[in-house]
Amino acid sequence: MIDLRNFTRRTIMIKPDYQLRLAVKVSLSIILYSFILGFIIFYPLYQDLMSAATIEKQAVISSVVLYLHKSFWPGFVLVALLAGLQAIWSSHALVGPMYRFEKTVQELISGNYSIRIKIRKRDEFKEMEGFLNKLAATLEEARTRDNQFYHDARIKLETIKAMLEAEGAEYPADVKRLAQELIYELDARDAYRAR
């Protein structure tokens, strides 16, 4: 059975400084757009009010303007607040994966190549999950190859040293063969790294 707690985030505010900044920007944009909309709505009424020939027409237009003011301005403040909340909520699917990517890269930098990342299915940048996991696997494989190579090289060098230090030993062919194998392995290693 899959433990779903690993795939859910317990907090909406993962990076509060970024998410709050985004919410403020969206809210301010809505406020600016609302002022533009208010101008589009109220300016023609203001023009009609100024050009009205009778007091009765001015009273009718004034009552319409007052009615619109009472419903328009509270509505646009509510919309701005809701847009800010929506920005925080929507950024959750973006900021969460980025936070996990940052943590994973920090782990890779520190040498922990066994780490793997898993983000939620509905989060953004799902393809980056595969790229980072492949990078971690490649680094882990390279480290394993390097460790094995250095282990093998050390054993061969210790064998050569023991052969050379043995009293009265005459193993020039064996020493030459082991040294040549080591040179071939180093050349192969250099060729692999040059790719």
C-alpha atoms as a PDB file:
ATOM      1  CA  MET A   1       0.000   0.000   0.000  1.00  0.00           C
ATOM      2  CA  ILE A   2       1.332   3.439  -0.947  1.00  0.00           C
ATOM      3  CA  ASP A   3       1.782   5.940   1.837  1.00  0.00           C
ATOM      4  CA  LEU A   4       0.060   9.053   0.452  1.00  0.00           C
ATOM      5  CA  ARG A   5       1.598  11.294   3.106  1.00  0.00           C
ATOM      6  CA  ASN A   6       4.808  11.312   1.054  1.00  0.00           C
ATOM      7  CA  PHE A   7       2.972  12.844  -1.909  1.00  0.00           C
ATOM      8  CA  THR A   8       1.070  15.611  -0.144  1.00  0.00           C
ATOM      9  CA  ARG A   9       2.412  18.899   1.110  1.00  0.00           C
ATOM     10  CA  ARG A  10       1.292  19.964   4.521  1.00  0.00           C
ATOM     11  CA  THR A  11       1.874  23.668   3.958  1.00  0.00           C
ATOM     12  CA  ILE A  12       0.657  25.992   1.264  1.00  0.00           C
ATOM     13  CA  MET A  13       3.351  28.594   1.963  1.00  0.00           C
ATOM     14  CA  ILE A  14       6.493  26.729   0.907  1.00  0.00           C
ATOM     15  CA  LYS A  15       8.499  29.833   0.023  1.00  0.00           C
ATOM     16  CA  PRO A  16       6.541  32.590   1.787  1.00  0.00           C
ATOM     17  CA  ASP A  17       8.669  35.482   0.540  1.00  0.00           C
ATOM     18  CA  TYR A  18       8.160  34.529  -3.111  1.00  0.00           C
ATOM     19  CA  GLN A  19       4.530  33.489  -2.759  1.00  0.00           C
ATOM     20  CA  LEU A  20       3.517  36.628  -0.838  1.00  0.00           C
ATOM     21  CA  ARG A  21       5.361  38.822  -3.347  1.00  0.00           C
ATOM     22  CA  LEU A  22       3.462  37.076  -6.151  1.00  0.00           C
ATOM     23  CA  ALA A  23       0.143  37.546  -4.329  1.00  0.00           C
ATOM     24  CA  VAL A  24       0.825  41.265  -3.833  1.00  0.00           C
ATOM     25  CA  LYS A  25       1.761  41.694  -7.504  1.00  0.00           C
ATOM     26  CA  VAL A  26      -1.399  39.935  -8.670  1.00  0.00           C
ATOM     27  CA  SER A  27      -3.575  41.905  -6.231  1.00  0.00           C
ATOM     28  CA  LEU A  28      -2.030  45.207  -7.292  1.00  0.00           C
ATOM     29  CA  SER A  29      -2.578  44.267 -10.926  1.00  0.00           C
ATOM     30  CA  ILE A  30      -6.239  43.554 -10.208  1.00  0.00           C
ATOM     31  CA  ILE A  31      -6.553  46.885  -8.389  1.00  0.00           C
ATOM     32  CA  LEU A  32      -4.968  48.716 -11.322  1.00  0.00           C
ATOM     33  CA  TYR A  33      -7.235  46.929 -13.803  1.00  0.00           C
ATOM     34  CA  SER A  34     -10.224  47.700 -11.605  1.00  0.00           C
ATOM     35  CA  PHE A  35      -9.383  51.397 -11.610  1.00  0.00           C
ATOM     36  CA  ILE A  36      -9.194  51.261 -15.386  1.00  0.00           C
ATOM     37  CA  LEU A  37     -12.528  49.443 -15.484  1.00  0.00           C
ATOM     38  CA  GLY A  38     -13.964  51.991 -13.017  1.00  0.00           C
ATOM     39  CA  PHE A  39     -12.807  54.803 -15.256  1.00  0.00           C
ATOM     40  CA  ILE A  40     -14.421  53.119 -18.278  1.00  0.00           C
ATOM     41  CA  ILE A  41     -17.680  52.713 -16.354  1.00  0.00           C
ATOM     42  CA  PHE A  42     -17.845  55.989 -14.439  1.00  0.00           C
ATOM     43  CA  TYR A  43     -16.363  58.502 -16.885  1.00  0.00           C
ATOM     44  CA  PRO A  44     -19.256  58.288 -19.368  1.00  0.00           C
ATOM     45  CA  LEU A  45     -21.693  58.652 -16.463  1.00  0.00           C
ATOM     46  CA  TYR A  46     -19.749  61.697 -15.254  1.00  0.00           C
ATOM     47  CA  GLN A  47     -19.942  63.163 -18.782  1.00  0.00           C
ATOM     48  CA  ASP A  48     -23.695  62.496 -18.882  1.00  0.00           C
ATOM     49  CA  LEU A  49     -24.072  64.066 -15.432  1.00  0.00           C
ATOM     50  CA  MET A  50     -22.287  67.229 -16.565  1.00  0.00           C
ATOM     51  CA  SER A  51     -24.290  67.482 -19.770  1.00  0.00           C
ATOM     52  CA  ALA A  52     -27.696  66.737 -18.190  1.00  0.00           C
ATOM     53  CA  ALA A  53     -30.119  69.556 -18.905  1.00  0.00           C
ATOM     54  CA  THR A  54     -32.403  69.140 -15.907  1.00  0.00           C
ATOM     55  CA  ILE A  55     -32.019  68.479 -12.223  1.00  0.00           C
ATOM     56  CA  GLU A  56     -34.225  65.375 -12.558  1.00  0.00           C
ATOM     57  CA  LYS A  57     -31.836  63.831 -15.115  1.00  0.00           C
ATOM     58  CA  GLN A  58     -28.875  64.688 -12.883  1.00  0.00           C
ATOM     59  CA  ALA A  59     -30.644  63.061  -9.915  1.00  0.00           C
ATOM     60  CA  VAL A  60     -31.274  59.864 -11.927  1.00  0.00           C
ATOM     61  CA  ILE A  61     -27.668  59.711 -13.134  1.00  0.00           C
ATOM     62  CA  SER A  62     -26.406  60.493  -9.611  1.00  0.00           C
ATOM     63  CA  SER A  63     -28.458  57.670  -8.122  1.00  0.00           C
ATOM     64  CA  VAL A  64     -27.053  55.258 -10.746  1.00  0.00           C
ATOM     65  CA  VAL A  65     -23.490  56.439  -9.974  1.00  0.00           C
ATOM     66  CA  LEU A  66     -24.022  56.045  -6.205  1.00  0.00           C
ATOM     67  CA  TYR A  67     -25.549  52.603  -6.679  1.00  0.00           C
ATOM     68  CA  LEU A  68     -22.586  51.530  -8.849  1.00  0.00           C
ATOM     69  CA  HIS A  69     -20.084  52.929  -6.337  1.00  0.00           C
ATOM     70  CA  LYS A  70     -21.676  50.949  -3.513  1.00  0.00           C
ATOM     71  CA  SER A  71     -21.449  47.670  -5.436  1.00  0.00           C
ATOM     72  CA  PHE A  72     -18.358  48.203  -7.609  1.00  0.00           C
ATOM     73  CA  TRP A  73     -15.637  49.230  -5.123  1.00  0.00           C
ATOM     74  CA  PRO A  74     -16.277  46.556  -2.452  1.00  0.00           C
ATOM     75  CA  GLY A  75     -16.508  44.004  -5.254  1.00  0.00           C
ATOM     76  CA  PHE A  76     -13.175  44.968  -6.740  1.00  0.00           C
ATOM     77  CA  VAL A  77     -11.474  44.857  -3.307  1.00  0.00           C
ATOM     78  CA  LEU A  78     -12.892  41.360  -2.796  1.00  0.00           C
ATOM     79  CA  VAL A  79     -11.731  40.293  -6.258  1.00  0.00           C
ATOM     80  CA  ALA A  80      -8.221  41.649  -5.555  1.00  0.00           C
ATOM     81  CA  LEU A  81      -8.029  39.685  -2.294  1.00  0.00           C
ATOM     82  CA  LEU A  82      -9.333  36.532  -3.962  1.00  0.00           C
ATOM     83  CA  ALA A  83      -6.819  36.946  -6.789  1.00  0.00           C
ATOM     84  CA  GLY A  84      -3.999  37.222  -4.235  1.00  0.00           C
ATOM     85  CA  LEU A  85      -5.162  34.050  -2.517  1.00  0.00           C
ATOM     86  CA  GLN A  86      -5.464  32.333  -5.884  1.00  0.00           C
ATOM     87  CA  ALA A  87      -1.878  33.356  -6.706  1.00  0.00           C
ATOM     88  CA  ILE A  88      -0.647  31.760  -3.471  1.00  0.00           C
ATOM     89  CA  TRP A  89      -2.704  28.629  -4.081  1.00  0.00           C
ATOM     90  CA  SER A  90      -1.658  28.349  -7.733  1.00  0.00           C
ATOM     91  CA  SER A  91       2.007  28.972  -6.991  1.00  0.00           C
ATOM     92  CA  HIS A  92       1.955  25.980  -4.662  1.00  0.00           C
ATOM     93  CA  ALA A  93       2.231  23.573  -7.634  1.00  0.00           C
ATOM     94  CA  LEU A  94       5.150  25.602  -8.962  1.00  0.00           C
ATOM     95  CA  VAL A  95       7.073  26.493  -5.811  1.00  0.00           C
ATOM     96  CA  GLY A  96       6.822  23.033  -4.247  1.00  0.00           C
ATOM     97  CA  PRO A  97       8.726  21.257  -7.024  1.00  0.00           C
ATOM     98  CA  MET A  98      11.281  24.053  -7.242  1.00  0.00           C
ATOM     99  CA  TYR A  99      11.908  23.728  -3.512  1.00  0.00           C
ATOM    100  CA  ARG A 100      12.417  19.953  -3.891  1.00  0.00           C
ATOM    101  CA  PHE A 101      14.738  20.529  -6.881  1.00  0.00           C
ATOM    102  CA  GLU A 102      16.840  22.981  -4.843  1.00  0.00           C
ATOM    103  CA  LYS A 103      17.128  20.502  -1.969  1.00  0.00           C
ATOM    104  CA  THR A 104      18.014  17.656  -4.349  1.00  0.00           C
ATOM    105  CA  VAL A 105      20.709  19.714  -6.089  1.00  0.00           C
ATOM    106  CA  GLN A 106      22.151  20.675  -2.689  1.00  0.00           C
ATOM    107  CA  GLU A 107      22.304  16.981  -1.782  1.00  0.00           C
ATOM    108  CA  LEU A 108      24.017  16.173  -5.093  1.00  0.00           C
ATOM    109  CA  ILE A 109      26.546  18.952  -4.523  1.00  0.00           C
ATOM    110  CA  SER A 110      27.292  17.541  -1.078  1.00  0.00           C
ATOM    111  CA  GLY A 111      27.967  14.124  -2.645  1.00  0.00           C
ATOM    112  CA  ASN A 112      24.753  12.278  -1.818  1.00  0.00           C
ATOM    113  CA  TYR A 113      24.180  10.618  -5.196  1.00  0.00           C
ATOM    114  CA  SER A 114      21.749   8.035  -3.853  1.00  0.00           C
ATOM    115  CA  ILE A 115      19.025  10.661  -3.441  1.00  0.00           C
ATOM    116  CA  ARG A 116      16.001  10.490  -5.728  1.00  0.00           C
ATOM    117  CA  ILE A 117      13.204  13.015  -6.059  1.00  0.00           C
ATOM    118  CA  LYS A 118       9.476  12.338  -6.284  1.00  0.00           C
ATOM    119  CA  ILE A 119       7.024  15.159  -6.892  1.00  0.00           C
ATOM    120  CA  ARG A 120       3.265  15.034  -7.114  1.00  0.00           C
ATOM    121  CA  LYS A 121       1.582  14.135 -10.374  1.00  0.00           C
ATOM    122  CA  ARG A 122      -0.240  17.460 -10.713  1.00  0.00           C
ATOM    123  CA  ASP A 123       2.818  19.613  -9.949  1.00  0.00           C
ATOM    124  CA  GLU A 124       4.613  21.614 -12.609  1.00  0.00           C
ATOM    125  CA  PHE A 125       8.014  20.606 -14.019  1.00  0.00           C
ATOM    126  CA  LYS A 126       7.255  16.886 -13.766  1.00  0.00           C
ATOM    127  CA  GLU A 127       9.866  16.188 -16.485  1.00  0.00           C
ATOM    128  CA  MET A 128      12.591  17.742 -14.299  1.00  0.00           C
ATOM    129  CA  GLU A 129      11.990  14.956 -11.800  1.00  0.00           C
ATOM    130  CA  GLY A 130      13.230  12.446 -14.381  1.00  0.00           C
ATOM    131  CA  PHE A 131      16.205  14.595 -15.374  1.00  0.00           C
ATOM    132  CA  LEU A 132      17.381  15.062 -11.784  1.00  0.00           C
ATOM    133  CA  ASN A 133      16.907  11.383 -10.973  1.00  0.00           C
ATOM    134  CA  LYS A 134      18.869  10.422 -14.086  1.00  0.00           C
ATOM    135  CA  LEU A 135      21.626  12.871 -13.123  1.00  0.00           C
ATOM    136  CA  ALA A 136      21.799  11.389  -9.626  1.00  0.00           C
ATOM    137  CA  ALA A 137      21.937   7.846 -11.033  1.00  0.00           C
ATOM    138  CA  THR A 138      24.676   8.824 -13.507  1.00  0.00           C
ATOM    139  CA  LEU A 139      26.743  10.454 -10.770  1.00  0.00           C
ATOM    140  CA  GLU A 140      26.233   7.471  -8.490  1.00  0.00           C
ATOM    141  CA  GLU A 141      27.284   5.074 -11.265  1.00  0.00           C
ATOM    142  CA  ALA A 142      30.366   7.190 -12.066  1.00  0.00           C
ATOM    143  CA  ARG A 143      31.406   7.212  -8.424  1.00  0.00           C
ATOM    144  CA  THR A 144      30.974   3.428  -8.226  1.00  0.00           C
ATOM    145  CA  ARG A 145      33.076   3.001 -11.389  1.00  0.00           C
ATOM    146  CA  ASP A 146      35.736   5.356 -10.020  1.00  0.00           C
ATOM    147  CA  ASN A 147      35.860   3.532  -6.700  1.00  0.00           C
ATOM    148  CA  GLN A 148      36.173   0.179  -8.463  1.00  0.00           C
ATOM    149  CA  PHE A 149      38.864   1.526 -10.787  1.00  0.00           C
ATOM    150  CA  TYR A 150      40.940   2.951  -7.939  1.00  0.00           C
ATOM    151  CA  HIS A 151      40.524  -0.253  -5.957  1.00  0.00           C
ATOM    152  CA  ASP A 152      41.695  -2.348  -8.919  1.00  0.00           C
ATOM    153  CA  ALA A 153      44.577   0.037  -9.665  1.00  0.00           C
ATOM    154  CA  ARG A 154      45.714  -0.080  -6.045  1.00  0.00           C
ATOM    155  CA  ILE A 155      45.723  -3.879  -6.018  1.00  0.00           C
ATOM    156  CA  LYS A 156      47.752  -3.993  -9.249  1.00  0.00           C
ATOM    157  CA  LEU A 157      50.246  -1.419  -7.942  1.00  0.00           C
ATOM    158  CA  GLU A 158      50.611  -3.308  -4.661  1.00  0.00           C
ATOM    159  CA  THR A 159      51.212  -6.511  -6.644  1.00  0.00           C
ATOM    160  CA  ILE A 160      53.862  -4.771  -8.777  1.00  0.00           C
ATOM    161  CA  LYS A 161      55.492  -3.361  -5.624  1.00  0.00           C
ATOM    162  CA  ALA A 162      55.523  -6.781  -3.976  1.00  0.00           C
ATOM    163  CA  MET A 163      57.039  -8.338  -7.095  1.00  0.00           C
ATOM    164  CA  LEU A 164      59.753  -5.703  -7.228  1.00  0.00           C
ATOM    165  CA  GLU A 165      60.520  -6.006  -3.510  1.00  0.00           C
ATOM    166  CA  ALA A 166      60.675  -9.814  -3.477  1.00  0.00           C
ATOM    167  CA  GLU A 167      64.210 -11.011  -2.861  1.00  0.00           C
ATOM    168  CA  GLY A 168      65.751 -12.496  -5.924  1.00  0.00           C
ATOM    169  CA  ALA A 169      62.461 -12.303  -7.791  1.00  0.00           C
ATOM    170  CA  GLU A 170      62.630 -11.919 -11.482  1.00  0.00           C
ATOM    171  CA  TYR A 171      59.182 -11.160 -12.832  1.00  0.00           C
ATOM    172  CA  PRO A 172      59.834  -8.557 -15.482  1.00  0.00           C
ATOM    173  CA  ALA A 173      57.236 -10.012 -17.835  1.00  0.00           C
ATOM    174  CA  ASP A 174      54.532 -10.040 -15.126  1.00  0.00           C
ATOM    175  CA  VAL A 175      55.454  -6.555 -13.901  1.00  0.00           C
ATOM    176  CA  LYS A 176      55.443  -5.279 -17.467  1.00  0.00           C
ATOM    177  CA  ARG A 177      52.024  -6.907 -18.127  1.00  0.00           C
ATOM    178  CA  LEU A 178      50.437  -5.441 -14.955  1.00  0.00           C
ATOM    179  CA  ALA A 179      51.903  -2.014 -15.668  1.00  0.00           C
ATOM    180  CA  GLN A 180      50.595  -2.169 -19.245  1.00  0.00           C
ATOM    181  CA  GLU A 181      47.106  -3.181 -18.018  1.00  0.00           C
ATOM    182  CA  LEU A 182      47.144  -0.210 -15.682  1.00  0.00           C
ATOM    183  CA  ILE A 183      48.144   2.109 -18.527  1.00  0.00           C
ATOM    184  CA  TYR A 184      45.330   0.719 -20.731  1.00  0.00           C
ATOM    185  CA  GLU A 185      42.809   1.240 -17.949  1.00  0.00           C
ATOM    186  CA  LEU A 186      43.992   4.812 -17.445  1.00  0.00           C
ATOM    187  CA  ASP A 187      43.758   5.458 -21.207  1.00  0.00           C
ATOM    188  CA  ALA A 188      40.233   3.971 -21.301  1.00  0.00           C
ATOM    189  CA  ARG A 189      39.289   6.127 -18.307  1.00  0.00           C
ATOM    190  CA  ASP A 190      40.579   9.257 -20.046  1.00  0.00           C
ATOM    191  CA  ALA A 191      38.716   8.363 -23.236  1.00  0.00           C
ATOM    192  CA  TYR A 192      35.461   7.851 -21.283  1.00  0.00           C
ATOM    193  CA  ARG A 193      35.804  11.181 -19.502  1.00  0.00           C
ATOM    194  CA  ALA A 194      36.539  12.966 -22.783  1.00  0.00           C
ATOM    195  CA  ARG A 195      33.114  11.954 -24.155  1.00  0.00           C
END
